[in-house]
Structures are given as C-alpha cells and as structure tokens.
PDB file of N, CA and C in Angstrom:
ATOM      1  N   UNK A   1    -138.159 -18.349  -1.546  1.00  0.00           N
ATOM      2  CA  UNK A   1    -137.040 -17.672  -1.258  1.00  0.00           C
ATOM      3  C   UNK A   1    -136.378 -17.442  -3.189  1.00  0.00           C
ATOM      4  N   UNK A   2    -136.323 -18.640  -3.791  1.00  0.00           N
ATOM      5  CA  UNK A   2    -136.246 -18.547  -5.353  1.00  0.00           C
ATOM      6  C   UNK A   2    -137.108 -17.584  -6.266  1.00  0.00           C
ATOM      7  N   UNK A   3    -138.037 -17.683  -5.676  1.00  0.00           N
ATOM      8  CA  UNK A   3    -139.016 -16.760  -6.266  1.00  0.00           C
ATOM      9  C   UNK A   3    -139.084 -15.533  -6.268  1.00  0.00           C
ATOM     10  N   UNK A   4    -138.460 -15.041  -5.061  1.00  0.00           N
ATOM     11  CA  UNK A   4    -138.254 -13.590  -4.676  1.00  0.00           C
ATOM     12  C   UNK A   4    -136.915 -13.173  -5.568  1.00  0.00           C
ATOM     13  N   UNK A   5    -135.945 -14.193  -5.824  1.00  0.00           N
ATOM     14  CA  UNK A   5    -134.902 -13.867  -6.501  1.00  0.00           C
ATOM     15  C   UNK A   5    -135.317 -13.671  -8.149  1.00  0.00           C
ATOM     16  N   UNK A   6    -136.061 -14.501  -8.623  1.00  0.00           N
ATOM     17  CA  UNK A   6    -136.655 -14.368 -10.095  1.00  0.00           C
ATOM     18  C   UNK A   6    -137.772 -13.511 -10.068  1.00  0.00           C
ATOM     19  N   UNK A   7    -138.143 -13.237  -9.064  1.00  0.00           N
ATOM     20  CA  UNK A   7    -139.183 -11.691  -9.283  1.00  0.00           C
ATOM     21  C   UNK A   7    -138.181 -10.408  -9.676  1.00  0.00           C
ATOM     22  N   UNK A   8    -137.255 -10.356  -8.602  1.00  0.00           N
ATOM     23  CA  UNK A   8    -136.050  -9.118  -8.837  1.00  0.00           C
ATOM     24  C   UNK A   8    -135.390  -9.213 -10.409  1.00  0.00           C
ATOM     25  N   UNK A   9    -134.893 -10.521 -10.822  1.00  0.00           N
ATOM     26  CA  UNK A   9    -134.697 -10.437 -11.861  1.00  0.00           C
ATOM     27  C   UNK A   9    -135.485 -10.290 -13.257  1.00  0.00           C
ATOM     28  N   UNK A  10    -136.942 -10.277 -12.776  1.00  0.00           N
ATOM     29  CA  UNK A  10    -137.656 -10.160 -13.943  1.00  0.00           C
ATOM     30  C   UNK A  10    -138.110  -8.517 -14.189  1.00  0.00           C
ATOM     31  N   UNK A  11    -137.829  -7.859 -13.134  1.00  0.00           N
ATOM     32  CA  UNK A  11    -137.927  -6.227 -12.894  1.00  0.00           C
ATOM     33  C   UNK A  11    -137.639  -5.580 -14.421  1.00  0.00           C
ATOM     34  N   UNK A  12    -138.229  -4.706 -14.795  1.00  0.00           N
ATOM     35  CA  UNK A  12    -138.225  -4.209 -15.925  1.00  0.00           C
ATOM     36  C   UNK A  12    -136.952  -3.455 -16.179  1.00  0.00           C
ATOM     37  N   UNK A  13    -136.320  -2.977 -15.118  1.00  0.00           N
ATOM     38  CA  UNK A  13    -135.069  -2.071 -15.327  1.00  0.00           C
ATOM     39  C   UNK A  13    -134.128  -3.052 -15.356  1.00  0.00           C
ATOM     40  N   UNK A  14    -134.340  -3.906 -14.915  1.00  0.00           N
ATOM     41  CA  UNK A  14    -133.021  -4.985 -15.009  1.00  0.00           C
ATOM     42  C   UNK A  14    -133.207  -5.754 -16.444  1.00  0.00           C
ATOM     43  N   UNK A  15    -134.184  -5.999 -16.621  1.00  0.00           N
ATOM     44  CA  UNK A  15    -134.370  -6.885 -18.348  1.00  0.00           C
ATOM     45  C   UNK A  15    -133.720  -5.747 -19.012  1.00  0.00           C
ATOM     46  N   UNK A  16    -134.441  -4.731 -19.280  1.00  0.00           N
ATOM     47  CA  UNK A  16    -133.843  -3.755 -20.057  1.00  0.00           C
ATOM     48  C   UNK A  16    -132.249  -3.360 -19.989  1.00  0.00           C
ATOM     49  N   UNK A  17    -131.566  -3.365 -19.153  1.00  0.00           N
ATOM     50  CA  UNK A  17    -130.258  -3.515 -18.748  1.00  0.00           C
ATOM     51  C   UNK A  17    -129.581  -4.469 -19.638  1.00  0.00           C
ATOM     52  N   UNK A  18    -130.183  -5.960 -19.290  1.00  0.00           N
ATOM     53  CA  UNK A  18    -129.503  -6.763 -19.598  1.00  0.00           C
ATOM     54  C   UNK A  18    -129.773  -7.082 -21.203  1.00  0.00           C
ATOM     55  N   UNK A  19    -130.888  -6.679 -21.657  1.00  0.00           N
ATOM     56  CA  UNK A  19    -131.000  -6.663 -23.168  1.00  0.00           C
ATOM     57  C   UNK A  19    -129.943  -5.463 -23.845  1.00  0.00           C
ATOM     58  N   UNK A  20    -129.841  -4.439 -23.293  1.00  0.00           N
ATOM     59  CA  UNK A  20    -128.898  -3.305 -23.663  1.00  0.00           C
ATOM     60  C   UNK A  20    -127.673  -3.892 -24.062  1.00  0.00           C
ATOM     61  N   UNK A  21    -127.095  -4.880 -22.745  1.00  0.00           N
ATOM     62  CA  UNK A  21    -125.712  -5.424 -22.751  1.00  0.00           C
ATOM     63  C   UNK A  21    -125.567  -6.292 -23.723  1.00  0.00           C
ATOM     64  N   UNK A  22    -126.790  -7.415 -23.671  1.00  0.00           N
ATOM     65  CA  UNK A  22    -126.404  -8.114 -24.477  1.00  0.00           C
ATOM     66  C   UNK A  22    -126.436  -7.703 -26.007  1.00  0.00           C
ATOM     67  N   UNK A  23    -127.104  -6.839 -26.406  1.00  0.00           N
ATOM     68  CA  UNK A  23    -127.153  -6.401 -27.944  1.00  0.00           C
ATOM     69  C   UNK A  23    -125.851  -5.713 -28.223  1.00  0.00           C
ATOM     70  N   UNK A  24    -125.363  -4.794 -27.109  1.00  0.00           N
ATOM     71  CA  UNK A  24    -123.733  -4.299 -27.387  1.00  0.00           C
ATOM     72  C   UNK A  24    -122.726  -5.573 -27.464  1.00  0.00           C
ATOM     73  N   UNK A  25    -122.661  -5.857 -26.364  1.00  0.00           N
ATOM     74  CA  UNK A  25    -121.691  -6.974 -25.997  1.00  0.00           C
ATOM     75  C   UNK A  25    -121.675  -8.245 -27.017  1.00  0.00           C
ATOM     76  N   UNK A  26    -123.117  -8.834 -26.958  1.00  0.00           N
ATOM     77  CA  UNK A  26    -122.901  -9.678 -27.946  1.00  0.00           C
ATOM     78  C   UNK A  26    -122.704  -9.522 -29.572  1.00  0.00           C
ATOM     79  N   UNK A  27    -122.975  -8.037 -30.157  1.00  0.00           N
ATOM     80  CA  UNK A  27    -122.899  -7.725 -31.545  1.00  0.00           C
ATOM     81  C   UNK A  27    -121.399  -7.633 -31.406  1.00  0.00           C
ATOM     82  N   UNK A  28    -120.360  -7.382 -30.698  1.00  0.00           N
ATOM     83  CA  UNK A  28    -119.165  -7.191 -30.679  1.00  0.00           C
ATOM     84  C   UNK A  28    -118.480  -8.791 -30.778  1.00  0.00           C
ATOM     85  N   UNK A  29    -119.277  -9.629 -29.924  1.00  0.00           N
ATOM     86  CA  UNK A  29    -118.616 -10.862 -30.041  1.00  0.00           C
ATOM     87  C   UNK A  29    -119.113 -11.746 -31.074  1.00  0.00           C
ATOM     88  N   UNK A  30    -120.364 -11.333 -31.408  1.00  0.00           N
ATOM     89  CA  UNK A  30    -120.424 -12.044 -32.967  1.00  0.00           C
ATOM     90  C   UNK A  30    -119.575 -11.772 -34.002  1.00  0.00           C
ATOM     91  N   UNK A  31    -119.622 -10.519 -34.096  1.00  0.00           N
ATOM     92  CA  UNK A  31    -118.826  -9.960 -35.108  1.00  0.00           C
ATOM     93  C   UNK A  31    -117.173 -10.641 -35.134  1.00  0.00           C
ATOM     94  N   UNK A  32    -116.552 -10.652 -33.835  1.00  0.00           N
ATOM     95  CA  UNK A  32    -115.447 -11.294 -33.660  1.00  0.00           C
ATOM     96  C   UNK A  32    -115.482 -12.685 -34.054  1.00  0.00           C
ATOM     97  N   UNK A  33    -116.272 -13.343 -33.304  1.00  0.00           N
ATOM     98  CA  UNK A  33    -116.232 -14.529 -33.456  1.00  0.00           C
ATOM     99  C   UNK A  33    -117.050 -15.676 -34.799  1.00  0.00           C
ATOM    100  N   UNK A  34    -117.586 -14.888 -35.148  1.00  0.00           N
ATOM    101  CA  UNK A  34    -118.612 -15.260 -36.734  1.00  0.00           C
ATOM    102  C   UNK A  34    -118.693 -14.376 -37.955  1.00  0.00           C
ATOM    103  N   UNK A  35    -117.919 -13.338 -37.861  1.00  0.00           N
ATOM    104  CA  UNK A  35    -118.023 -12.239 -38.821  1.00  0.00           C
ATOM    105  C   UNK A  35    -117.355 -12.924 -40.257  1.00  0.00           C
ATOM    106  N   UNK A  36    -116.200 -13.717 -39.926  1.00  0.00           N
ATOM    107  CA  UNK A  36    -115.657 -14.268 -41.524  1.00  0.00           C
ATOM    108  C   UNK A  36    -116.820 -15.311 -41.749  1.00  0.00           C
ATOM    109  N   UNK A  37    -117.546 -15.959 -41.135  1.00  0.00           N
ATOM    110  CA  UNK A  37    -118.596 -16.955 -41.773  1.00  0.00           C
ATOM    111  C   UNK A  37    -119.563 -16.266 -42.084  1.00  0.00           C
ATOM    112  N   UNK A  38    -120.019 -15.113 -41.476  1.00  0.00           N
ATOM    113  CA  UNK A  38    -121.280 -14.248 -42.286  1.00  0.00           C
ATOM    114  C   UNK A  38    -120.712 -13.439 -43.551  1.00  0.00           C
ATOM    115  N   UNK A  39    -119.730 -13.173 -44.006  1.00  0.00           N
ATOM    116  CA  UNK A  39    -119.221 -12.452 -45.104  1.00  0.00           C
ATOM    117  C   UNK A  39    -118.833 -13.788 -45.930  1.00  0.00           C
ATOM    118  N   UNK A  40    -118.643 -14.678 -45.736  1.00  0.00           N
ATOM    119  CA  UNK A  40    -118.461 -16.022 -46.756  1.00  0.00           C
ATOM    120  C   UNK A  40    -119.496 -16.666 -47.333  1.00  0.00           C
ATOM    121  N   UNK A  41    -119.567 -18.042 -47.434  1.00  0.00           N
ATOM    122  CA  UNK A  41    -120.558 -18.581 -48.053  1.00  0.00           C
ATOM    123  C   UNK A  41    -121.906 -18.807 -46.908  1.00  0.00           C
ATOM    124  N   UNK A  42    -122.332 -18.260 -46.256  1.00  0.00           N
ATOM    125  CA  UNK A  42    -123.679 -18.248 -45.313  1.00  0.00           C
ATOM    126  C   UNK A  42    -123.790 -19.047 -44.013  1.00  0.00           C
ATOM    127  N   UNK A  43    -124.609 -18.508 -43.633  1.00  0.00           N
ATOM    128  CA  UNK A  43    -124.541 -19.360 -42.227  1.00  0.00           C
ATOM    129  C   UNK A  43    -125.520 -20.863 -42.359  1.00  0.00           C
ATOM    130  N   UNK A  44    -125.060 -21.572 -41.457  1.00  0.00           N
ATOM    131  CA  UNK A  44    -125.571 -22.886 -41.275  1.00  0.00           C
ATOM    132  C   UNK A  44    -126.248 -22.645 -40.086  1.00  0.00           C
ATOM    133  N   UNK A  45    -127.264 -23.811 -39.619  1.00  0.00           N
ATOM    134  CA  UNK A  45    -128.033 -23.708 -38.083  1.00  0.00           C
ATOM    135  C   UNK A  45    -127.323 -23.689 -37.021  1.00  0.00           C
ATOM    136  N   UNK A  46    -126.357 -24.671 -37.113  1.00  0.00           N
ATOM    137  CA  UNK A  46    -125.069 -24.446 -36.354  1.00  0.00           C
ATOM    138  C   UNK A  46    -124.675 -22.968 -35.684  1.00  0.00           C
ATOM    139  N   UNK A  47    -124.148 -22.171 -36.984  1.00  0.00           N
ATOM    140  CA  UNK A  47    -124.137 -21.020 -36.770  1.00  0.00           C
ATOM    141  C   UNK A  47    -124.993 -20.257 -35.947  1.00  0.00           C
ATOM    142  N   UNK A  48    -126.200 -20.409 -36.327  1.00  0.00           N
ATOM    143  CA  UNK A  48    -127.331 -19.674 -35.934  1.00  0.00           C
ATOM    144  C   UNK A  48    -127.320 -19.727 -34.536  1.00  0.00           C
ATOM    145  N   UNK A  49    -127.457 -21.127 -33.985  1.00  0.00           N
ATOM    146  CA  UNK A  49    -127.367 -21.654 -32.630  1.00  0.00           C
ATOM    147  C   UNK A  49    -126.155 -20.881 -31.800  1.00  0.00           C
ATOM    148  N   UNK A  50    -125.019 -21.199 -32.317  1.00  0.00           N
ATOM    149  CA  UNK A  50    -123.668 -20.348 -31.768  1.00  0.00           C
ATOM    150  C   UNK A  50    -123.857 -18.656 -31.580  1.00  0.00           C
ATOM    151  N   UNK A  51    -124.437 -17.831 -32.423  1.00  0.00           N
ATOM    152  CA  UNK A  51    -124.844 -16.517 -32.535  1.00  0.00           C
ATOM    153  C   UNK A  51    -125.832 -16.268 -31.676  1.00  0.00           C
ATOM    154  N   UNK A  52    -126.637 -17.084 -31.606  1.00  0.00           N
ATOM    155  CA  UNK A  52    -127.894 -16.938 -30.215  1.00  0.00           C
ATOM    156  C   UNK A  52    -127.147 -17.056 -29.136  1.00  0.00           C
ATOM    157  N   UNK A  53    -126.216 -18.245 -29.070  1.00  0.00           N
ATOM    158  CA  UNK A  53    -125.640 -18.213 -27.237  1.00  0.00           C
ATOM    159  C   UNK A  53    -125.027 -16.706 -27.549  1.00  0.00           C
ATOM    160  N   UNK A  54    -124.100 -16.543 -28.364  1.00  0.00           N
ATOM    161  CA  UNK A  54    -123.344 -15.382 -28.170  1.00  0.00           C
ATOM    162  C   UNK A  54    -123.982 -14.166 -27.590  1.00  0.00           C
ATOM    163  N   UNK A  55    -125.478 -13.799 -27.852  1.00  0.00           N
ATOM    164  CA  UNK A  55    -126.075 -13.114 -27.344  1.00  0.00           C
ATOM    165  C   UNK A  55    -126.673 -12.997 -25.809  1.00  0.00           C
ATOM    166  N   UNK A  56    -127.050 -14.818 -25.977  1.00  0.00           N
ATOM    167  CA  UNK A  56    -127.852 -14.873 -24.501  1.00  0.00           C
ATOM    168  C   UNK A  56    -126.702 -14.923 -23.507  1.00  0.00           C
ATOM    169  N   UNK A  57    -125.676 -15.201 -23.494  1.00  0.00           N
ATOM    170  CA  UNK A  57    -124.206 -15.415 -22.547  1.00  0.00           C
ATOM    171  C   UNK A  57    -124.451 -13.823 -22.037  1.00  0.00           C
ATOM    172  N   UNK A  58    -124.219 -12.944 -22.430  1.00  0.00           N
ATOM    173  CA  UNK A  58    -124.062 -11.564 -21.791  1.00  0.00           C
ATOM    174  C   UNK A  58    -125.661 -10.807 -21.278  1.00  0.00           C
ATOM    175  N   UNK A  59    -126.304 -11.638 -22.007  1.00  0.00           N
ATOM    176  CA  UNK A  59    -127.453 -11.165 -21.188  1.00  0.00           C
ATOM    177  C   UNK A  59    -127.882 -11.812 -19.725  1.00  0.00           C
ATOM    178  N   UNK A  60    -127.353 -13.179 -20.184  1.00  0.00           N
ATOM    179  CA  UNK A  60    -127.509 -13.888 -18.361  1.00  0.00           C
ATOM    180  C   UNK A  60    -126.201 -13.439 -17.380  1.00  0.00           C
ATOM    181  N   UNK A  61    -125.326 -13.028 -17.873  1.00  0.00           N
ATOM    182  CA  UNK A  61    -124.174 -12.397 -16.861  1.00  0.00           C
ATOM    183  C   UNK A  61    -125.092 -11.230 -16.472  1.00  0.00           C
ATOM    184  N   UNK A  62    -125.439 -10.447 -16.967  1.00  0.00           N
ATOM    185  CA  UNK A  62    -125.896  -8.816 -16.775  1.00  0.00           C
ATOM    186  C   UNK A  62    -127.087  -8.966 -15.863  1.00  0.00           C
ATOM    187  N   UNK A  63    -128.007  -9.909 -16.358  1.00  0.00           N
ATOM    188  CA  UNK A  63    -129.285 -10.413 -15.410  1.00  0.00           C
ATOM    189  C   UNK A  63    -128.788 -10.822 -13.922  1.00  0.00           C
ATOM    190  N   UNK A  64    -127.807 -11.524 -13.793  1.00  0.00           N
ATOM    191  CA  UNK A  64    -127.181 -12.520 -12.889  1.00  0.00           C
ATOM    192  C   UNK A  64    -126.532 -11.141 -11.906  1.00  0.00           C
ATOM    193  N   UNK A  65    -125.470 -10.670 -12.487  1.00  0.00           N
ATOM    194  CA  UNK A  65    -124.908  -9.844 -11.465  1.00  0.00           C
ATOM    195  C   UNK A  65    -125.990  -8.265 -10.864  1.00  0.00           C
ATOM    196  N   UNK A  66    -127.107  -7.813 -11.708  1.00  0.00           N
ATOM    197  CA  UNK A  66    -127.755  -6.842 -11.475  1.00  0.00           C
ATOM    198  C   UNK A  66    -128.563  -7.283 -10.456  1.00  0.00           C
ATOM    199  N   UNK A  67    -128.973  -8.578 -10.577  1.00  0.00           N
ATOM    200  CA  UNK A  67    -129.996  -8.997  -9.500  1.00  0.00           C
ATOM    201  C   UNK A  67    -129.260  -9.252  -8.406  1.00  0.00           C
ATOM    202  N   UNK A  68    -127.976 -10.044  -8.254  1.00  0.00           N
ATOM    203  CA  UNK A  68    -127.387  -9.915  -7.208  1.00  0.00           C
ATOM    204  C   UNK A  68    -127.005  -8.606  -6.490  1.00  0.00           C
ATOM    205  N   UNK A  69    -126.648  -7.524  -7.395  1.00  0.00           N
ATOM    206  CA  UNK A  69    -126.560  -6.175  -6.715  1.00  0.00           C
ATOM    207  C   UNK A  69    -127.747  -5.988  -5.837  1.00  0.00           C
ATOM    208  N   UNK A  70    -128.987  -6.097  -6.237  1.00  0.00           N
ATOM    209  CA  UNK A  70    -130.294  -5.525  -5.658  1.00  0.00           C
ATOM    210  C   UNK A  70    -130.281  -6.437  -4.227  1.00  0.00           C
ATOM    211  N   UNK A  71    -130.067  -7.667  -4.439  1.00  0.00           N
ATOM    212  CA  UNK A  71    -130.561  -8.908  -3.360  1.00  0.00           C
ATOM    213  C   UNK A  71    -129.109  -8.187  -2.521  1.00  0.00           C
ATOM    214  N   UNK A  72    -128.174  -8.289  -2.850  1.00  0.00           N
ATOM    215  CA  UNK A  72    -126.943  -7.484  -1.853  1.00  0.00           C
ATOM    216  C   UNK A  72    -127.410  -6.111  -0.897  1.00  0.00           C
ATOM    217  N   UNK A  73    -128.286  -5.354  -1.463  1.00  0.00           N
ATOM    218  CA  UNK A  73    -128.414  -3.831  -1.316  1.00  0.00           C
ATOM    219  C   UNK A  73    -129.312  -4.051  -0.096  1.00  0.00           C
ATOM    220  N   UNK A  74    -130.269  -5.404  -0.625  1.00  0.00           N
ATOM    221  CA  UNK A  74    -131.618  -5.088   0.438  1.00  0.00           C
ATOM    222  C   UNK A  74    -131.613  -6.640   1.288  1.00  0.00           C
ATOM    223  N   UNK A  75    -130.330  -6.806   1.429  1.00  0.00           N
ATOM    224  CA  UNK A  75    -129.873  -8.072   2.488  1.00  0.00           C
ATOM    225  C   UNK A  75    -130.840  -8.822   2.524  1.00  0.00           C
ATOM    226  N   UNK A  76    -131.013  -9.686   1.051  1.00  0.00           N
ATOM    227  CA  UNK A  76    -131.654 -10.676   0.721  1.00  0.00           C
ATOM    228  C   UNK A  76    -130.267 -12.071   0.024  1.00  0.00           C
ATOM    229  N   UNK A  77    -130.711 -13.171   0.530  1.00  0.00           N
ATOM    230  CA  UNK A  77    -129.689 -14.062  -0.096  1.00  0.00           C
ATOM    231  C   UNK A  77    -129.474 -14.118  -1.528  1.00  0.00           C
ATOM    232  N   UNK A  78    -128.277 -14.599  -1.688  1.00  0.00           N
ATOM    233  CA  UNK A  78    -127.933 -14.716  -3.296  1.00  0.00           C
ATOM    234  C   UNK A  78    -128.543 -16.239  -3.571  1.00  0.00           C
ATOM    235  N   UNK A  79    -128.628 -16.159  -4.993  1.00  0.00           N
ATOM    236  CA  UNK A  79    -129.067 -17.222  -5.706  1.00  0.00           C
ATOM    237  C   UNK A  79    -128.261 -18.154  -5.205  1.00  0.00           C
ATOM    238  N   UNK A  80    -126.771 -18.172  -5.276  1.00  0.00           N
ATOM    239  CA  UNK A  80    -125.843 -19.223  -4.925  1.00  0.00           C
ATOM    240  C   UNK A  80    -126.366 -19.636  -3.482  1.00  0.00           C
ATOM    241  N   UNK A  81    -126.641 -18.915  -2.435  1.00  0.00           N
ATOM    242  CA  UNK A  81    -127.026 -19.627  -1.219  1.00  0.00           C
ATOM    243  C   UNK A  81    -128.152 -20.205  -1.107  1.00  0.00           C
ATOM    244  N   UNK A  82    -129.375 -19.600  -1.836  1.00  0.00           N
ATOM    245  CA  UNK A  82    -130.319 -20.188  -2.075  1.00  0.00           C
ATOM    246  C   UNK A  82    -130.572 -21.621  -2.634  1.00  0.00           C
ATOM    247  N   UNK A  83    -129.682 -21.711  -3.799  1.00  0.00           N
ATOM    248  CA  UNK A  83    -129.361 -23.087  -4.486  1.00  0.00           C
ATOM    249  C   UNK A  83    -128.771 -23.977  -3.868  1.00  0.00           C
ATOM    250  N   UNK A  84    -127.696 -23.625  -2.936  1.00  0.00           N
ATOM    251  CA  UNK A  84    -127.148 -24.265  -1.945  1.00  0.00           C
ATOM    252  C   UNK A  84    -127.931 -24.857  -1.031  1.00  0.00           C
ATOM    253  N   UNK A  85    -128.990 -24.348  -0.662  1.00  0.00           N
ATOM    254  CA  UNK A  85    -129.738 -24.671   0.399  1.00  0.00           C
ATOM    255  C   UNK A  85    -130.632 -25.933  -0.101  1.00  0.00           C
ATOM    256  N   UNK A  86    -131.428 -25.545  -1.220  1.00  0.00           N
ATOM    257  CA  UNK A  86    -132.218 -25.919  -1.828  1.00  0.00           C
ATOM    258  C   UNK A  86    -131.567 -27.624  -2.402  1.00  0.00           C
ATOM    259  N   UNK A  87    -130.240 -27.561  -2.982  1.00  0.00           N
ATOM    260  CA  UNK A  87    -129.667 -28.895  -3.087  1.00  0.00           C
ATOM    261  C   UNK A  87    -129.036 -29.424  -1.844  1.00  0.00           C
ATOM    262  N   UNK A  88    -129.068 -28.970  -0.982  1.00  0.00           N
ATOM    263  CA  UNK A  88    -128.628 -29.848   0.692  1.00  0.00           C
ATOM    264  C   UNK A  88    -129.803 -30.209   0.892  1.00  0.00           C
ATOM    265  N   UNK A  89    -130.925 -29.715   1.000  1.00  0.00           N
ATOM    266  CA  UNK A  89    -132.215 -30.252   1.399  1.00  0.00           C
ATOM    267  C   UNK A  89    -132.537 -31.516   0.410  1.00  0.00           C
ATOM    268  N   UNK A  90    -132.117 -31.613  -0.733  1.00  0.00           N
ATOM    269  CA  UNK A  90    -132.392 -32.422  -1.793  1.00  0.00           C
ATOM    270  C   UNK A  90    -131.959 -33.432  -1.832  1.00  0.00           C
ATOM    271  N   UNK A  91    -130.386 -33.222  -1.522  1.00  0.00           N
ATOM    272  CA  UNK A  91    -129.740 -34.074  -1.253  1.00  0.00           C
ATOM    273  C   UNK A  91    -129.862 -35.197  -0.250  1.00  0.00           C
ATOM    274  N   UNK A  92    -130.499 -34.528   1.058  1.00  0.00           N
ATOM    275  CA  UNK A  92    -130.503 -35.236   2.215  1.00  0.00           C
ATOM    276  C   UNK A  92    -131.820 -35.860   2.074  1.00  0.00           C
ATOM    277  N   UNK A  93    -132.583 -36.001   1.279  1.00  0.00           N
ATOM    278  CA  UNK A  93    -133.666 -36.408   0.722  1.00  0.00           C
ATOM    279  C   UNK A  93    -133.599 -37.778   0.128  1.00  0.00           C
ATOM    280  N   UNK A  94    -132.469 -37.434  -0.962  1.00  0.00           N
ATOM    281  CA  UNK A  94    -132.014 -38.333  -1.821  1.00  0.00           C
ATOM    282  C   UNK A  94    -131.060 -39.490  -0.974  1.00  0.00           C
ATOM    283  N   UNK A  95    -130.484 -38.866  -0.346  1.00  0.00           N
ATOM    284  CA  UNK A  95    -129.620 -39.781   0.391  1.00  0.00           C
ATOM    285  C   UNK A  95    -130.287 -40.929   1.528  1.00  0.00           C
ATOM    286  N   UNK A  96    -131.366 -40.207   1.875  1.00  0.00           N
ATOM    287  CA  UNK A  96    -132.455 -41.203   2.767  1.00  0.00           C
ATOM    288  C   UNK A  96    -132.819 -41.993   1.960  1.00  0.00           C
ATOM    289  N   UNK A  97    -133.476 -41.670   0.731  1.00  0.00           N
ATOM    290  CA  UNK A  97    -134.450 -42.816  -0.149  1.00  0.00           C
ATOM    291  C   UNK A  97    -132.877 -43.618  -0.576  1.00  0.00           C
ATOM    292  N   UNK A  98    -131.927 -43.316  -1.032  1.00  0.00           N
ATOM    293  CA  UNK A  98    -130.778 -44.278  -1.268  1.00  0.00           C
ATOM    294  C   UNK A  98    -130.690 -45.323  -0.134  1.00  0.00           C
ATOM    295  N   UNK A  99    -130.581 -44.725   1.196  1.00  0.00           N
ATOM    296  CA  UNK A  99    -130.082 -45.799   1.794  1.00  0.00           C
ATOM    297  C   UNK A  99    -131.451 -46.729   2.268  1.00  0.00           C
ATOM    298  N   UNK A 100    -132.619 -46.416   1.938  1.00  0.00           N
ATOM    299  CA  UNK A 100    -133.413 -47.164   1.935  1.00  0.00           C
ATOM    300  C   UNK A 100    -133.561 -48.362   1.353  1.00  0.00           C
ATOM    301  N   UNK A 101    -133.471 -48.023  -0.411  1.00  0.00           N
ATOM    302  CA  UNK A 101    -133.366 -48.675  -1.342  1.00  0.00           C
ATOM    303  C   UNK A 101    -132.000 -49.708  -0.858  1.00  0.00           C
ATOM    304  N   UNK A 102    -131.143 -49.141  -0.734  1.00  0.00           N
ATOM    305  CA  UNK A 102    -129.777 -50.053  -0.407  1.00  0.00           C
ATOM    306  C   UNK A 102    -130.323 -50.962   0.460  1.00  0.00           C
ATOM    307  N   UNK A 103    -130.736 -50.715   1.660  1.00  0.00           N
ATOM    308  CA  UNK A 103    -130.961 -51.355   2.703  1.00  0.00           C
ATOM    309  C   UNK A 103    -131.794 -52.665   2.471  1.00  0.00           C
ATOM    310  N   UNK A 104    -132.770 -52.229   1.746  1.00  0.00           N
ATOM    311  CA  UNK A 104    -133.971 -53.052   1.045  1.00  0.00           C
ATOM    312  C   UNK A 104    -133.241 -54.325   0.401  1.00  0.00           C
ATOM    313  N   UNK A 105    -132.285 -53.649  -0.490  1.00  0.00           N
ATOM    314  CA  UNK A 105    -131.436 -54.637  -1.402  1.00  0.00           C
ATOM    315  C   UNK A 105    -130.839 -55.793  -0.578  1.00  0.00           C
ATOM    316  N   UNK A 106    -130.083 -55.139   0.176  1.00  0.00           N
ATOM    317  CA  UNK A 106    -129.352 -55.937   0.937  1.00  0.00           C
ATOM    318  C   UNK A 106    -130.254 -56.977   1.868  1.00  0.00           C
ATOM    319  N   UNK A 107    -131.006 -56.691   2.291  1.00  0.00           N
ATOM    320  CA  UNK A 107    -131.970 -57.645   2.794  1.00  0.00           C
ATOM    321  C   UNK A 107    -132.521 -58.843   2.429  1.00  0.00           C
ATOM    322  N   UNK A 108    -132.586 -58.324   1.013  1.00  0.00           N
ATOM    323  CA  UNK A 108    -133.244 -59.276  -0.061  1.00  0.00           C
ATOM    324  C   UNK A 108    -132.347 -60.148  -0.441  1.00  0.00           C
ATOM    325  N   UNK A 109    -130.761 -59.622  -0.845  1.00  0.00           N
ATOM    326  CA  UNK A 109    -129.983 -60.467  -1.144  1.00  0.00           C
ATOM    327  C   UNK A 109    -129.390 -61.720  -0.087  1.00  0.00           C
ATOM    328  N   UNK A 110    -129.744 -61.323   1.606  1.00  0.00           N
ATOM    329  CA  UNK A 110    -129.379 -62.150   2.302  1.00  0.00           C
ATOM    330  C   UNK A 110    -130.452 -62.952   2.409  1.00  0.00           C
ATOM    331  N   UNK A 111    -131.871 -62.606   1.786  1.00  0.00           N
ATOM    332  CA  UNK A 111    -132.541 -63.808   2.092  1.00  0.00           C
ATOM    333  C   UNK A 111    -132.665 -64.738   0.732  1.00  0.00           C
ATOM    334  N   UNK A 112    -132.044 -64.275  -0.170  1.00  0.00           N
ATOM    335  CA  UNK A 112    -131.810 -65.077  -1.490  1.00  0.00           C
ATOM    336  C   UNK A 112    -130.662 -66.090  -0.949  1.00  0.00           C
ATOM    337  N   UNK A 113    -129.666 -65.723  -0.426  1.00  0.00           N
ATOM    338  CA  UNK A 113    -128.551 -66.370   0.051  1.00  0.00           C
ATOM    339  C   UNK A 113    -128.888 -67.531   1.240  1.00  0.00           C
ATOM    340  N   UNK A 114    -129.897 -67.246   2.064  1.00  0.00           N
ATOM    341  CA  UNK A 114    -130.147 -68.029   3.262  1.00  0.00           C
ATOM    342  C   UNK A 114    -131.112 -69.083   2.575  1.00  0.00           C
ATOM    343  N   UNK A 115    -131.862 -68.840   1.492  1.00  0.00           N
ATOM    344  CA  UNK A 115    -132.631 -69.723   0.800  1.00  0.00           C
ATOM    345  C   UNK A 115    -131.991 -70.804  -0.113  1.00  0.00           C
ATOM    346  N   UNK A 116    -130.660 -70.154  -0.598  1.00  0.00           N
ATOM    347  CA  UNK A 116    -129.682 -71.163  -1.277  1.00  0.00           C
ATOM    348  C   UNK A 116    -128.956 -72.083  -0.446  1.00  0.00           C
ATOM    349  N   UNK A 117    -128.714 -71.794   0.747  1.00  0.00           N
ATOM    350  CA  UNK A 117    -128.011 -72.700   1.684  1.00  0.00           C
ATOM    351  C   UNK A 117    -128.735 -73.505   2.469  1.00  0.00           C
ATOM    352  N   UNK A 118    -130.147 -73.483   2.232  1.00  0.00           N
ATOM    353  CA  UNK A 118    -131.136 -74.260   3.056  1.00  0.00           C
ATOM    354  C   UNK A 118    -131.504 -75.337   1.663  1.00  0.00           C
TER     355      UNK A 118
END
C-alpha cells in the first residue's frame, strides 16, 4: 500500500509541480533567511545545508499535499493511515518480542535467586 502512495508521489506531474513550488517558495525563503549572509562574507558548509533544506521543505510539502489530494480523489488511504497501520503492526510485534524477552529475564532471575537460597 505504501508503494502505491510512493508511485503516485513520483508521477511526473506531481514531481514537476513540487519542483516549481520549491524553486519559487524556496527562493523567497532563501532570500529572507539567508540573503544577508550571501551578501556579506560568504557561505559556510552550514549555510549551504540550511539553504538546501530551505528548498527541500516546500518540495516535500507540495509532494505530500498533491499526493494526498490524488489519494483522496481515488478513494485510496492516506499515507497517515498507511503509516499508522504499519506502526501498529510493528508495535504489536515489538511488544510481543519484548514480553518474551522480559519473561525470560524474570525466569532467569528467579533461577539465580533460587540457586542462591539453596
């Protein structure tokens, strides 16, 4: 199911829209947030990373919202529901595994205690 969501997210029209949004919104945000540094003494690696993230965030938001809109129009589950189901399933598996380990630990501690008492 998550593969279906990713397939929609990687459609050409969604990718192109997200790139356009990232270029416009990212450029505006980059000038607002980093313009002074760019005009002063130059950019450090840290600044390049921040600028990259400034473009990446609107790209991700656009991709997410476009993909969710397509999913809603086609009666497909949202990524939120898919991830929740995945986490519930994995959480139950993890809880079962933890319970097994915890029970084994308790049994072992009881054996050690019994051996000390005898």
